[in-house]
Amino acid sequence: QVQLVESGGGLVQPGGSLRLSCTASGFTFSTYVMRWYRQVPGKERELVALILHIGDNTHYADSVKGRFTISRDNSKNTVYLQMSSLKPKDTAVYYCNAWNGIKTEYWGQGTQVTVSS
C-alpha cells in the first residue's frame, strides 16, 4: 500500500521558518522524483519545488527561490522542505508528490501552513 505522510505544518509568524517532512512507503522511493506543491482555495495547485532521484538536482518556483530548500534522505524514504523567511502569501495546504517520470504519481494528504501575525 502506497503512503505519503506529510508533517511539520502549522502556524508561524511572518519571517519565521518551518520544515515539512514527507515519509513514503509502498514503492521504491529512491527511483522517484519528489515534489512539493501547494494550493490555496480557489486556485490551482502550484509546484513549489522538486528534487530528482539522480544527483539531487533541484528546481524551485520563482516565488520561493532563496527561501525554500528541498532535500531528500533515501535511507529514510523522506523528503523535506525547509521554509524560511515565510510570508503571508506562503499560506496554503502543502502536498507531497512522488512521480516516476512517466505517468505514475502518488500524493500525500496535505499539511496546512499558515503564516500570520
PDB file of N, CA and C in Angstrom:
ATOM      1  N   GLN A   1       0.846  -1.193   0.000  1.00  0.00           N
ATOM      2  CA  GLN A   1       0.000   0.000   0.000  1.00  0.00           C
ATOM      3  C   GLN A   1       0.882   1.244   0.000  1.00  0.00           C
ATOM      4  N   VAL A   2       0.651   2.107  -0.974  1.00  0.00           N
ATOM      5  CA  VAL A   2       1.446   3.322  -1.096  1.00  0.00           C
ATOM      6  C   VAL A   2       0.947   4.370  -0.105  1.00  0.00           C
ATOM      7  N   GLN A   3       1.881   4.987   0.592  1.00  0.00           N
ATOM      8  CA  GLN A   3       1.540   6.077   1.507  1.00  0.00           C
ATOM      9  C   GLN A   3       2.583   7.173   1.418  1.00  0.00           C
ATOM     10  N   LEU A   4       2.108   8.401   1.453  1.00  0.00           N
ATOM     11  CA  LEU A   4       2.946   9.585   1.615  1.00  0.00           C
ATOM     12  C   LEU A   4       2.345  10.359   2.784  1.00  0.00           C
ATOM     13  N   VAL A   5       3.114  10.495   3.851  1.00  0.00           N
ATOM     14  CA  VAL A   5       2.599  11.130   5.054  1.00  0.00           C
ATOM     15  C   VAL A   5       3.393  12.393   5.335  1.00  0.00           C
ATOM     16  N   GLU A   6       2.711  13.544   5.218  1.00  0.00           N
ATOM     17  CA  GLU A   6       3.349  14.829   5.488  1.00  0.00           C
ATOM     18  C   GLU A   6       3.209  15.201   6.958  1.00  0.00           C
ATOM     19  N   SER A   7       4.159  15.971   7.432  1.00  0.00           N
ATOM     20  CA  SER A   7       4.097  16.517   8.779  1.00  0.00           C
ATOM     21  C   SER A   7       4.909  17.814   8.816  1.00  0.00           C
ATOM     22  N   GLY A   8       4.709  18.566   9.906  1.00  0.00           N
ATOM     23  CA  GLY A   8       5.503  19.765  10.108  1.00  0.00           C
ATOM     24  C   GLY A   8       4.802  21.064   9.820  1.00  0.00           C
ATOM     25  N   GLY A   9       3.587  21.005   9.323  1.00  0.00           N
ATOM     26  CA  GLY A   9       2.851  22.238   9.083  1.00  0.00           C
ATOM     27  C   GLY A   9       2.391  22.881  10.380  1.00  0.00           C
ATOM     28  N   GLY A  10       1.863  24.090  10.258  1.00  0.00           N
ATOM     29  CA  GLY A  10       1.374  24.780  11.437  1.00  0.00           C
ATOM     30  C   GLY A  10       1.277  26.268  11.212  1.00  0.00           C
ATOM     31  N   LEU A  11       1.160  26.987  12.309  1.00  0.00           N
ATOM     32  CA  LEU A  11       1.044  28.442  12.304  1.00  0.00           C
ATOM     33  C   LEU A  11       2.398  29.054  12.641  1.00  0.00           C
ATOM     34  N   VAL A  12       2.835  30.002  11.823  1.00  0.00           N
ATOM     35  CA  VAL A  12       4.117  30.655  12.056  1.00  0.00           C
ATOM     36  C   VAL A  12       3.974  32.138  11.731  1.00  0.00           C
ATOM     37  N   GLN A  13       4.754  32.966  12.409  1.00  0.00           N
ATOM     38  CA  GLN A  13       4.716  34.401  12.143  1.00  0.00           C
ATOM     39  C   GLN A  13       5.508  34.743  10.886  1.00  0.00           C
ATOM     40  N   PRO A  14       5.150  35.837  10.238  1.00  0.00           N
ATOM     41  CA  PRO A  14       5.950  36.274   9.068  1.00  0.00           C
ATOM     42  C   PRO A  14       7.421  36.398   9.436  1.00  0.00           C
ATOM     43  N   GLY A  15       8.273  35.920   8.533  1.00  0.00           N
ATOM     44  CA  GLY A  15       9.706  35.909   8.786  1.00  0.00           C
ATOM     45  C   GLY A  15      10.204  34.643   9.448  1.00  0.00           C
ATOM     46  N   GLY A  16       9.290  33.811   9.889  1.00  0.00           N
ATOM     47  CA  GLY A  16       9.655  32.586  10.581  1.00  0.00           C
ATOM     48  C   GLY A  16       9.991  31.442   9.632  1.00  0.00           C
ATOM     49  N   SER A  17      10.243  30.278  10.237  1.00  0.00           N
ATOM     50  CA  SER A  17      10.646  29.096   9.478  1.00  0.00           C
ATOM     51  C   SER A  17       9.824  27.883   9.892  1.00  0.00           C
ATOM     52  N   LEU A  18       9.697  26.973   8.951  1.00  0.00           N
ATOM     53  CA  LEU A  18       9.097  25.671   9.208  1.00  0.00           C
ATOM     54  C   LEU A  18       9.812  24.641   8.350  1.00  0.00           C
ATOM     55  N   ARG A  19       9.837  23.406   8.818  1.00  0.00           N
ATOM     56  CA  ARG A  19      10.349  22.323   7.991  1.00  0.00           C
ATOM     57  C   ARG A  19       9.261  21.262   7.832  1.00  0.00           C
ATOM     58  N   LEU A  20       8.883  21.034   6.593  1.00  0.00           N
ATOM     59  CA  LEU A  20       7.928  19.983   6.290  1.00  0.00           C
ATOM     60  C   LEU A  20       8.676  18.689   5.989  1.00  0.00           C
ATOM     61  N   SER A  21       8.066  17.580   6.389  1.00  0.00           N
ATOM     62  CA  SER A  21       8.608  16.264   6.084  1.00  0.00           C
ATOM     63  C   SER A  21       7.537  15.441   5.385  1.00  0.00           C
ATOM     64  N   CYS A  22       7.992  14.538   4.540  1.00  0.00           N
ATOM     65  CA  CYS A  22       7.083  13.613   3.856  1.00  0.00           C
ATOM     66  C   CYS A  22       7.767  12.262   3.825  1.00  0.00           C
ATOM     67  N   THR A  23       7.175  11.302   4.520  1.00  0.00           N
ATOM     68  CA  THR A  23       7.741   9.961   4.586  1.00  0.00           C
ATOM     69  C   THR A  23       6.917   9.025   3.724  1.00  0.00           C
ATOM     70  N   ALA A  24       7.614   8.277   2.884  1.00  0.00           N
ATOM     71  CA  ALA A  24       6.959   7.431   1.894  1.00  0.00           C
ATOM     72  C   ALA A  24       7.091   5.953   2.241  1.00  0.00           C
ATOM     73  N   SER A  25       6.132   5.178   1.769  1.00  0.00           N
ATOM     74  CA  SER A  25       6.183   3.728   1.896  1.00  0.00           C
ATOM     75  C   SER A  25       5.374   3.109   0.768  1.00  0.00           C
ATOM     76  N   GLY A  26       5.699   1.856   0.459  1.00  0.00           N
ATOM     77  CA  GLY A  26       4.921   1.125  -0.536  1.00  0.00           C
ATOM     78  C   GLY A  26       5.435   1.211  -1.964  1.00  0.00           C
ATOM     79  N   PHE A  27       6.529   1.935  -2.173  1.00  0.00           N
ATOM     80  CA  PHE A  27       7.143   2.000  -3.501  1.00  0.00           C
ATOM     81  C   PHE A  27       8.634   2.282  -3.324  1.00  0.00           C
ATOM     82  N   THR A  28       9.378   2.189  -4.408  1.00  0.00           N
ATOM     83  CA  THR A  28      10.833   2.365  -4.338  1.00  0.00           C
ATOM     84  C   THR A  28      11.160   3.855  -4.387  1.00  0.00           C
ATOM     85  N   PHE A  29      11.223   4.440  -3.212  1.00  0.00           N
ATOM     86  CA  PHE A  29      11.358   5.889  -3.051  1.00  0.00           C
ATOM     87  C   PHE A  29      12.539   6.448  -3.847  1.00  0.00           C
ATOM     88  N   SER A  30      13.663   5.744  -3.833  1.00  0.00           N
ATOM     89  CA  SER A  30      14.890   6.280  -4.423  1.00  0.00           C
ATOM     90  C   SER A  30      14.819   6.418  -5.944  1.00  0.00           C
ATOM     91  N   THR A  31      13.804   5.854  -6.568  1.00  0.00           N
ATOM     92  CA  THR A  31      13.691   5.930  -8.022  1.00  0.00           C
ATOM     93  C   THR A  31      12.664   6.971  -8.477  1.00  0.00           C
ATOM     94  N   TYR A  32      12.099   7.698  -7.541  1.00  0.00           N
ATOM     95  CA  TYR A  32      11.049   8.667  -7.851  1.00  0.00           C
ATOM     96  C   TYR A  32      11.545  10.098  -7.678  1.00  0.00           C
ATOM     97  N   VAL A  33      11.099  10.955  -8.587  1.00  0.00           N
ATOM     98  CA  VAL A  33      11.232  12.393  -8.404  1.00  0.00           C
ATOM     99  C   VAL A  33      10.255  12.797  -7.305  1.00  0.00           C
ATOM    100  N   MET A  34      10.704  13.610  -6.378  1.00  0.00           N
ATOM    101  CA  MET A  34       9.843  14.068  -5.294  1.00  0.00           C
ATOM    102  C   MET A  34       9.562  15.563  -5.466  1.00  0.00           C
ATOM    103  N   ARG A  35       8.295  15.916  -5.269  1.00  0.00           N
ATOM    104  CA  ARG A  35       7.865  17.291  -5.490  1.00  0.00           C
ATOM    105  C   ARG A  35       7.005  17.768  -4.329  1.00  0.00           C
ATOM    106  N   TRP A  36       7.089  19.049  -4.063  1.00  0.00           N
ATOM    107  CA  TRP A  36       6.185  19.710  -3.132  1.00  0.00           C
ATOM    108  C   TRP A  36       5.322  20.680  -3.948  1.00  0.00           C
ATOM    109  N   TYR A  37       4.017  20.587  -3.716  1.00  0.00           N
ATOM    110  CA  TYR A  37       3.051  21.510  -4.303  1.00  0.00           C
ATOM    111  C   TYR A  37       2.353  22.247  -3.160  1.00  0.00           C
ATOM    112  N   ARG A  38       1.671  23.318  -3.510  1.00  0.00           N
ATOM    113  CA  ARG A  38       0.809  23.988  -2.545  1.00  0.00           C
ATOM    114  C   ARG A  38      -0.439  24.485  -3.245  1.00  0.00           C
ATOM    115  N   GLN A  39      -1.485  24.661  -2.446  1.00  0.00           N
ATOM    116  CA  GLN A  39      -2.761  25.077  -3.003  1.00  0.00           C
ATOM    117  C   GLN A  39      -3.510  25.934  -1.995  1.00  0.00           C
ATOM    118  N   VAL A  40      -4.076  27.008  -2.509  1.00  0.00           N
ATOM    119  CA  VAL A  40      -4.975  27.836  -1.712  1.00  0.00           C
ATOM    120  C   VAL A  40      -6.363  27.707  -2.305  1.00  0.00           C
ATOM    121  N   PRO A  41      -7.396  27.900  -1.508  1.00  0.00           N
ATOM    122  CA  PRO A  41      -8.765  27.742  -2.012  1.00  0.00           C
ATOM    123  C   PRO A  41      -9.037  28.617  -3.233  1.00  0.00           C
ATOM    124  N   GLY A  42      -9.630  28.013  -4.249  1.00  0.00           N
ATOM    125  CA  GLY A  42      -9.988  28.751  -5.447  1.00  0.00           C
ATOM    126  C   GLY A  42      -8.885  28.885  -6.472  1.00  0.00           C
ATOM    127  N   LYS A  43      -7.718  28.342  -6.157  1.00  0.00           N
ATOM    128  CA  LYS A  43      -6.601  28.429  -7.102  1.00  0.00           C
ATOM    129  C   LYS A  43      -6.081  27.045  -7.452  1.00  0.00           C
ATOM    130  N   GLU A  44      -5.369  26.954  -8.570  1.00  0.00           N
ATOM    131  CA  GLU A  44      -4.784  25.683  -8.969  1.00  0.00           C
ATOM    132  C   GLU A  44      -3.596  25.330  -8.073  1.00  0.00           C
ATOM    133  N   ARG A  45      -3.354  24.040  -8.000  1.00  0.00           N
ATOM    134  CA  ARG A  45      -2.198  23.575  -7.249  1.00  0.00           C
ATOM    135  C   ARG A  45      -0.924  24.057  -7.952  1.00  0.00           C
ATOM    136  N   GLU A  46       0.010  24.566  -7.150  1.00  0.00           N
ATOM    137  CA  GLU A  46       1.231  25.176  -7.681  1.00  0.00           C
ATOM    138  C   GLU A  46       2.444  24.338  -7.295  1.00  0.00           C
ATOM    139  N   LEU A  47       3.323  24.076  -8.267  1.00  0.00           N
ATOM    140  CA  LEU A  47       4.567  23.384  -7.962  1.00  0.00           C
ATOM    141  C   LEU A  47       5.506  24.335  -7.230  1.00  0.00           C
ATOM    142  N   VAL A  48       5.967  23.918  -6.076  1.00  0.00           N
ATOM    143  CA  VAL A  48       6.856  24.739  -5.253  1.00  0.00           C
ATOM    144  C   VAL A  48       8.314  24.354  -5.473  1.00  0.00           C
ATOM    145  N   ALA A  49       8.591  23.052  -5.426  1.00  0.00           N
ATOM    146  CA  ALA A  49       9.977  22.586  -5.547  1.00  0.00           C
ATOM    147  C   ALA A  49       9.976  21.119  -5.927  1.00  0.00           C
ATOM    148  N   LEU A  50      11.065  20.706  -6.572  1.00  0.00           N
ATOM    149  CA  LEU A  50      11.236  19.293  -6.866  1.00  0.00           C
ATOM    150  C   LEU A  50      12.695  18.913  -6.724  1.00  0.00           C
ATOM    151  N   ILE A  51      12.911  17.630  -6.486  1.00  0.00           N
ATOM    152  CA  ILE A  51      14.259  17.100  -6.387  1.00  0.00           C
ATOM    153  C   ILE A  51      14.301  15.783  -7.149  1.00  0.00           C
ATOM    154  N   LEU A  52      15.290  15.665  -8.034  1.00  0.00           N
ATOM    155  CA  LEU A  52      15.404  14.452  -8.826  1.00  0.00           C
ATOM    156  C   LEU A  52      15.915  13.299  -7.977  1.00  0.00           C
ATOM    157  N   HIS A  53      15.740  12.106  -8.490  1.00  0.00           N
ATOM    158  CA  HIS A  53      16.215  10.924  -7.791  1.00  0.00           C
ATOM    159  C   HIS A  53      17.673  10.664  -8.095  1.00  0.00           C
ATOM    160  N   ILE A  54      18.209  11.353  -9.119  1.00  0.00           N
ATOM    161  CA  ILE A  54      19.608  11.179  -9.503  1.00  0.00           C
ATOM    162  C   ILE A  54      20.335  12.497  -9.302  1.00  0.00           C
ATOM    163  N   GLY A  55      21.370  12.484  -8.503  1.00  0.00           N
ATOM    164  CA  GLY A  55      22.215  13.661  -8.357  1.00  0.00           C
ATOM    165  C   GLY A  55      21.646  14.759  -7.488  1.00  0.00           C
ATOM    166  N   ASP A  56      20.421  14.559  -6.963  1.00  0.00           N
ATOM    167  CA  ASP A  56      19.831  15.557  -6.086  1.00  0.00           C
ATOM    168  C   ASP A  56      19.675  16.922  -6.757  1.00  0.00           C
ATOM    169  N   ASN A  57      19.504  16.930  -8.079  1.00  0.00           N
ATOM    170  CA  ASN A  57      19.227  18.194  -8.751  1.00  0.00           C
ATOM    171  C   ASN A  57      17.867  18.718  -8.310  1.00  0.00           C
ATOM    172  N   THR A  58      17.783  20.039  -8.131  1.00  0.00           N
ATOM    173  CA  THR A  58      16.569  20.653  -7.607  1.00  0.00           C
ATOM    174  C   THR A  58      16.060  21.758  -8.526  1.00  0.00           C
ATOM    175  N   HIS A  59      14.775  22.065  -8.353  1.00  0.00           N
ATOM    176  CA  HIS A  59      14.152  23.157  -9.085  1.00  0.00           C
ATOM    177  C   HIS A  59      13.155  23.820  -8.156  1.00  0.00           C
ATOM    178  N   TYR A  60      13.077  25.172  -8.263  1.00  0.00           N
ATOM    179  CA  TYR A  60      12.176  25.912  -7.386  1.00  0.00           C
ATOM    180  C   TYR A  60      11.312  26.878  -8.194  1.00  0.00           C
ATOM    181  N   ALA A  61      10.116  27.097  -7.694  1.00  0.00           N
ATOM    182  CA  ALA A  61       9.293  28.173  -8.236  1.00  0.00           C
ATOM    183  C   ALA A  61       9.973  29.501  -7.926  1.00  0.00           C
ATOM    184  N   ASP A  62       9.816  30.458  -8.824  1.00  0.00           N
ATOM    185  CA  ASP A  62      10.452  31.766  -8.618  1.00  0.00           C
ATOM    186  C   ASP A  62      10.027  32.398  -7.292  1.00  0.00           C
ATOM    187  N   SER A  63       8.800  32.140  -6.889  1.00  0.00           N
ATOM    188  CA  SER A  63       8.255  32.777  -5.688  1.00  0.00           C
ATOM    189  C   SER A  63       8.921  32.307  -4.405  1.00  0.00           C
ATOM    190  N   VAL A  64       9.656  31.182  -4.449  1.00  0.00           N
ATOM    191  CA  VAL A  64      10.262  30.651  -3.224  1.00  0.00           C
ATOM    192  C   VAL A  64      11.781  30.531  -3.317  1.00  0.00           C
ATOM    193  N   LYS A  65      12.349  30.847  -4.470  1.00  0.00           N
ATOM    194  CA  LYS A  65      13.803  30.732  -4.637  1.00  0.00           C
ATOM    195  C   LYS A  65      14.529  31.565  -3.600  1.00  0.00           C
ATOM    196  N   GLY A  66      15.542  30.951  -3.000  1.00  0.00           N
ATOM    197  CA  GLY A  66      16.329  31.646  -1.992  1.00  0.00           C
ATOM    198  C   GLY A  66      15.748  31.570  -0.598  1.00  0.00           C
ATOM    199  N   ARG A  67      14.506  31.084  -0.485  1.00  0.00           N
ATOM    200  CA  ARG A  67      13.854  30.992   0.829  1.00  0.00           C
ATOM    201  C   ARG A  67      13.552  29.546   1.219  1.00  0.00           C
ATOM    202  N   PHE A  68      13.259  28.717   0.232  1.00  0.00           N
ATOM    203  CA  PHE A  68      12.913  27.316   0.489  1.00  0.00           C
ATOM    204  C   PHE A  68      14.030  26.407  -0.019  1.00  0.00           C
ATOM    205  N   THR A  69      14.215  25.292   0.678  1.00  0.00           N
ATOM    206  CA  THR A  69      15.190  24.290   0.263  1.00  0.00           C
ATOM    207  C   THR A  69      14.566  22.904   0.346  1.00  0.00           C
ATOM    208  N   ILE A  70      14.621  22.186  -0.761  1.00  0.00           N
ATOM    209  CA  ILE A  70      14.128  20.808  -0.784  1.00  0.00           C
ATOM    210  C   ILE A  70      15.320  19.868  -0.677  1.00  0.00           C
ATOM    211  N   SER A  71      15.140  18.795   0.076  1.00  0.00           N
ATOM    212  CA  SER A  71      16.183  17.787   0.212  1.00  0.00           C
ATOM    213  C   SER A  71      15.519  16.437   0.424  1.00  0.00           C
ATOM    214  N   ARG A  72      16.312  15.385   0.291  1.00  0.00           N
ATOM    215  CA  ARG A  72      15.772  14.042   0.472  1.00  0.00           C
ATOM    216  C   ARG A  72      16.802  13.162   1.153  1.00  0.00           C
ATOM    217  N   ASP A  73      16.300  12.187   1.889  1.00  0.00           N
ATOM    218  CA  ASP A  73      17.130  11.172   2.532  1.00  0.00           C
ATOM    219  C   ASP A  73      16.579   9.829   2.095  1.00  0.00           C
ATOM    220  N   ASN A  74      17.218   9.236   1.108  1.00  0.00           N
ATOM    221  CA  ASN A  74      16.711   7.974   0.571  1.00  0.00           C
ATOM    222  C   ASN A  74      16.786   6.839   1.588  1.00  0.00           C
ATOM    223  N   SER A  75      17.691   6.946   2.554  1.00  0.00           N
ATOM    224  CA  SER A  75      17.793   5.902   3.578  1.00  0.00           C
ATOM    225  C   SER A  75      16.584   5.921   4.522  1.00  0.00           C
ATOM    226  N   LYS A  76      15.905   7.080   4.567  1.00  0.00           N
ATOM    227  CA  LYS A  76      14.732   7.215   5.438  1.00  0.00           C
ATOM    228  C   LYS A  76      13.436   7.336   4.637  1.00  0.00           C
ATOM    229  N   ASN A  77      13.546   7.233   3.319  1.00  0.00           N
ATOM    230  CA  ASN A  77      12.361   7.392   2.451  1.00  0.00           C
ATOM    231  C   ASN A  77      11.629   8.693   2.743  1.00  0.00           C
ATOM    232  N   THR A  78      12.378   9.742   2.925  1.00  0.00           N
ATOM    233  CA  THR A  78      11.795  11.011   3.352  1.00  0.00           C
ATOM    234  C   THR A  78      12.311  12.173   2.514  1.00  0.00           C
ATOM    235  N   VAL A  79      11.390  13.074   2.183  1.00  0.00           N
ATOM    236  CA  VAL A  79      11.742  14.325   1.526  1.00  0.00           C
ATOM    237  C   VAL A  79      11.359  15.466   2.455  1.00  0.00           C
ATOM    238  N   TYR A  80      12.146  16.519   2.422  1.00  0.00           N
ATOM    239  CA  TYR A  80      11.951  17.658   3.311  1.00  0.00           C
ATOM    240  C   TYR A  80      11.769  18.946   2.504  1.00  0.00           C
ATOM    241  N   LEU A  81      11.085  19.884   3.116  1.00  0.00           N
ATOM    242  CA  LEU A  81      11.007  21.229   2.563  1.00  0.00           C
ATOM    243  C   LEU A  81      11.280  22.190   3.706  1.00  0.00           C
ATOM    244  N   GLN A  82      12.473  22.768   3.700  1.00  0.00           N
ATOM    245  CA  GLN A  82      12.840  23.777   4.682  1.00  0.00           C
ATOM    246  C   GLN A  82      12.381  25.129   4.158  1.00  0.00           C
ATOM    247  N   MET A  83      11.508  25.781   4.922  1.00  0.00           N
ATOM    248  CA  MET A  83      10.940  27.059   4.506  1.00  0.00           C
ATOM    249  C   MET A  83      11.392  28.145   5.469  1.00  0.00           C
ATOM    250  N   SER A  84      12.004  29.175   4.926  1.00  0.00           N
ATOM    251  CA  SER A  84      12.490  30.282   5.746  1.00  0.00           C
ATOM    252  C   SER A  84      11.939  31.598   5.212  1.00  0.00           C
ATOM    253  N   SER A  85      12.079  32.639   6.017  1.00  0.00           N
ATOM    254  CA  SER A  85      11.576  33.973   5.634  1.00  0.00           C
ATOM    255  C   SER A  85      10.153  33.888   5.105  1.00  0.00           C
ATOM    256  N   LEU A  86       9.330  33.183   5.843  1.00  0.00           N
ATOM    257  CA  LEU A  86       7.963  32.936   5.379  1.00  0.00           C
ATOM    258  C   LEU A  86       7.148  34.216   5.321  1.00  0.00           C
ATOM    259  N   LYS A  87       6.266  34.242   4.325  1.00  0.00           N
ATOM    260  CA  LYS A  87       5.407  35.400   4.077  1.00  0.00           C
ATOM    261  C   LYS A  87       3.943  34.961   4.140  1.00  0.00           C
ATOM    262  N   PRO A  88       3.048  35.894   4.417  1.00  0.00           N
ATOM    263  CA  PRO A  88       1.618  35.520   4.424  1.00  0.00           C
ATOM    264  C   PRO A  88       1.171  34.849   3.128  1.00  0.00           C
ATOM    265  N   LYS A  89       1.752  35.234   2.009  1.00  0.00           N
ATOM    266  CA  LYS A  89       1.344  34.623   0.740  1.00  0.00           C
ATOM    267  C   LYS A  89       1.813  33.188   0.595  1.00  0.00           C
ATOM    268  N   ASP A  90       2.639  32.697   1.520  1.00  0.00           N
ATOM    269  CA  ASP A  90       3.029  31.286   1.525  1.00  0.00           C
ATOM    270  C   ASP A  90       1.964  30.413   2.188  1.00  0.00           C
ATOM    271  N   THR A  91       0.959  31.043   2.771  1.00  0.00           N
ATOM    272  CA  THR A  91      -0.118  30.289   3.404  1.00  0.00           C
ATOM    273  C   THR A  91      -0.843  29.421   2.386  1.00  0.00           C
ATOM    274  N   ALA A  92      -0.917  28.127   2.662  1.00  0.00           N
ATOM    275  CA  ALA A  92      -1.518  27.167   1.731  1.00  0.00           C
ATOM    276  C   ALA A  92      -1.510  25.789   2.380  1.00  0.00           C
ATOM    277  N   VAL A  93      -2.184  24.857   1.718  1.00  0.00           N
ATOM    278  CA  VAL A  93      -2.010  23.445   2.041  1.00  0.00           C
ATOM    279  C   VAL A  93      -0.863  22.929   1.165  1.00  0.00           C
ATOM    280  N   TYR A  94       0.119  22.321   1.793  1.00  0.00           N
ATOM    281  CA  TYR A  94       1.287  21.816   1.094  1.00  0.00           C
ATOM    282  C   TYR A  94       1.159  20.308   0.913  1.00  0.00           C
ATOM    283  N   TYR A  95       1.399  19.871  -0.322  1.00  0.00           N
ATOM    284  CA  TYR A  95       1.260  18.460  -0.667  1.00  0.00           C
ATOM    285  C   TYR A  95       2.586  17.881  -1.151  1.00  0.00           C
ATOM    286  N   CYS A  96       2.844  16.685  -0.723  1.00  0.00           N
ATOM    287  CA  CYS A  96       3.990  15.916  -1.183  1.00  0.00           C
ATOM    288  C   CYS A  96       3.540  15.068  -2.373  1.00  0.00           C
ATOM    289  N   ASN A  97       4.426  14.946  -3.363  1.00  0.00           N
ATOM    290  CA  ASN A  97       4.104  14.183  -4.564  1.00  0.00           C
ATOM    291  C   ASN A  97       5.313  13.360  -4.975  1.00  0.00           C
ATOM    292  N   ALA A  98       5.060  12.120  -5.356  1.00  0.00           N
ATOM    293  CA  ALA A  98       6.101  11.243  -5.883  1.00  0.00           C
ATOM    294  C   ALA A  98       5.762  10.920  -7.337  1.00  0.00           C
ATOM    295  N   TRP A  99       6.728  11.052  -8.233  1.00  0.00           N
ATOM    296  CA  TRP A  99       6.498  10.871  -9.662  1.00  0.00           C
ATOM    297  C   TRP A  99       7.624  10.037 -10.252  1.00  0.00           C
ATOM    298  N   ASN A 100       7.225   9.012 -11.050  1.00  0.00           N
ATOM    299  CA  ASN A 100       8.256   8.130 -11.599  1.00  0.00           C
ATOM    300  C   ASN A 100       8.826   8.656 -12.920  1.00  0.00           C
ATOM    301  N   GLY A 101       8.438   9.856 -13.308  1.00  0.00           N
ATOM    302  CA  GLY A 101       8.972  10.447 -14.529  1.00  0.00           C
ATOM    303  C   GLY A 101       8.191  10.086 -15.772  1.00  0.00           C
ATOM    304  N   ILE A 102       7.224   9.203 -15.625  1.00  0.00           N
ATOM    305  CA  ILE A 102       6.399   8.797 -16.771  1.00  0.00           C
ATOM    306  C   ILE A 102       4.958   9.190 -16.449  1.00  0.00           C
ATOM    307  N   LYS A 103       4.186   8.287 -15.908  1.00  0.00           N
ATOM    308  CA  LYS A 103       2.806   8.664 -15.592  1.00  0.00           C
ATOM    309  C   LYS A 103       2.333   8.211 -14.227  1.00  0.00           C
ATOM    310  N   THR A 104       3.155   7.520 -13.479  1.00  0.00           N
ATOM    311  CA  THR A 104       2.745   7.101 -12.149  1.00  0.00           C
ATOM    312  C   THR A 104       3.114   8.171 -11.136  1.00  0.00           C
ATOM    313  N   GLU A 105       2.150   8.594 -10.353  1.00  0.00           N
ATOM    314  CA  GLU A 105       2.431   9.541  -9.298  1.00  0.00           C
ATOM    315  C   GLU A 105       1.510   9.273  -8.118  1.00  0.00           C
ATOM    316  N   TYR A 106       2.001   9.670  -6.961  1.00  0.00           N
ATOM    317  CA  TYR A 106       1.275   9.494  -5.719  1.00  0.00           C
ATOM    318  C   TYR A 106       1.247  10.822  -4.975  1.00  0.00           C
ATOM    319  N   TRP A 107       0.192  10.996  -4.174  1.00  0.00           N
ATOM    320  CA  TRP A 107       0.010  12.239  -3.423  1.00  0.00           C
ATOM    321  C   TRP A 107      -0.169  11.957  -1.945  1.00  0.00           C
ATOM    322  N   GLY A 108       0.331  12.868  -1.137  1.00  0.00           N
ATOM    323  CA  GLY A 108       0.037  12.849   0.277  1.00  0.00           C
ATOM    324  C   GLY A 108      -1.278  13.540   0.558  1.00  0.00           C
ATOM    325  N   GLN A 109      -1.641  13.571   1.826  1.00  0.00           N
ATOM    326  CA  GLN A 109      -2.934  14.130   2.212  1.00  0.00           C
ATOM    327  C   GLN A 109      -2.892  15.639   2.410  1.00  0.00           C
ATOM    328  N   GLY A 110      -1.704  16.197   2.477  1.00  0.00           N
ATOM    329  CA  GLY A 110      -1.547  17.639   2.637  1.00  0.00           C
ATOM    330  C   GLY A 110      -1.371  18.052   4.083  1.00  0.00           C
ATOM    331  N   THR A 111      -0.650  19.148   4.250  1.00  0.00           N
ATOM    332  CA  THR A 111      -0.463  19.726   5.583  1.00  0.00           C
ATOM    333  C   THR A 111      -0.622  21.245   5.476  1.00  0.00           C
ATOM    334  N   GLN A 112      -1.343  21.815   6.414  1.00  0.00           N
ATOM    335  CA  GLN A 112      -1.651  23.243   6.360  1.00  0.00           C
ATOM    336  C   GLN A 112      -0.487  24.060   6.902  1.00  0.00           C
ATOM    337  N   VAL A 113      -0.104  25.069   6.154  1.00  0.00           N
ATOM    338  CA  VAL A 113       0.873  26.061   6.604  1.00  0.00           C
ATOM    339  C   VAL A 113       0.178  27.416   6.607  1.00  0.00           C
ATOM    340  N   THR A 114       0.191  28.073   7.761  1.00  0.00           N
ATOM    341  CA  THR A 114      -0.428  29.389   7.893  1.00  0.00           C
ATOM    342  C   THR A 114       0.614  30.372   8.401  1.00  0.00           C
ATOM    343  N   VAL A 115       0.819  31.435   7.644  1.00  0.00           N
ATOM    344  CA  VAL A 115       1.780  32.468   8.020  1.00  0.00           C
ATOM    345  C   VAL A 115       0.984  33.720   8.376  1.00  0.00           C
ATOM    346  N   SER A 116       0.982  34.051   9.650  1.00  0.00           N
ATOM    347  CA  SER A 116       0.162  35.158  10.117  1.00  0.00           C
ATOM    348  C   SER A 116       0.680  35.660  11.454  1.00  0.00           C
ATOM    349  N   SER A 117       0.504  36.960  11.662  1.00  0.00           N
ATOM    350  CA  SER A 117       0.880  37.524  12.956  1.00  0.00           C
ATOM    351  C   SER A 117      -0.330  37.570  13.884  1.00  0.00           C
TER     352      SER A 117
END
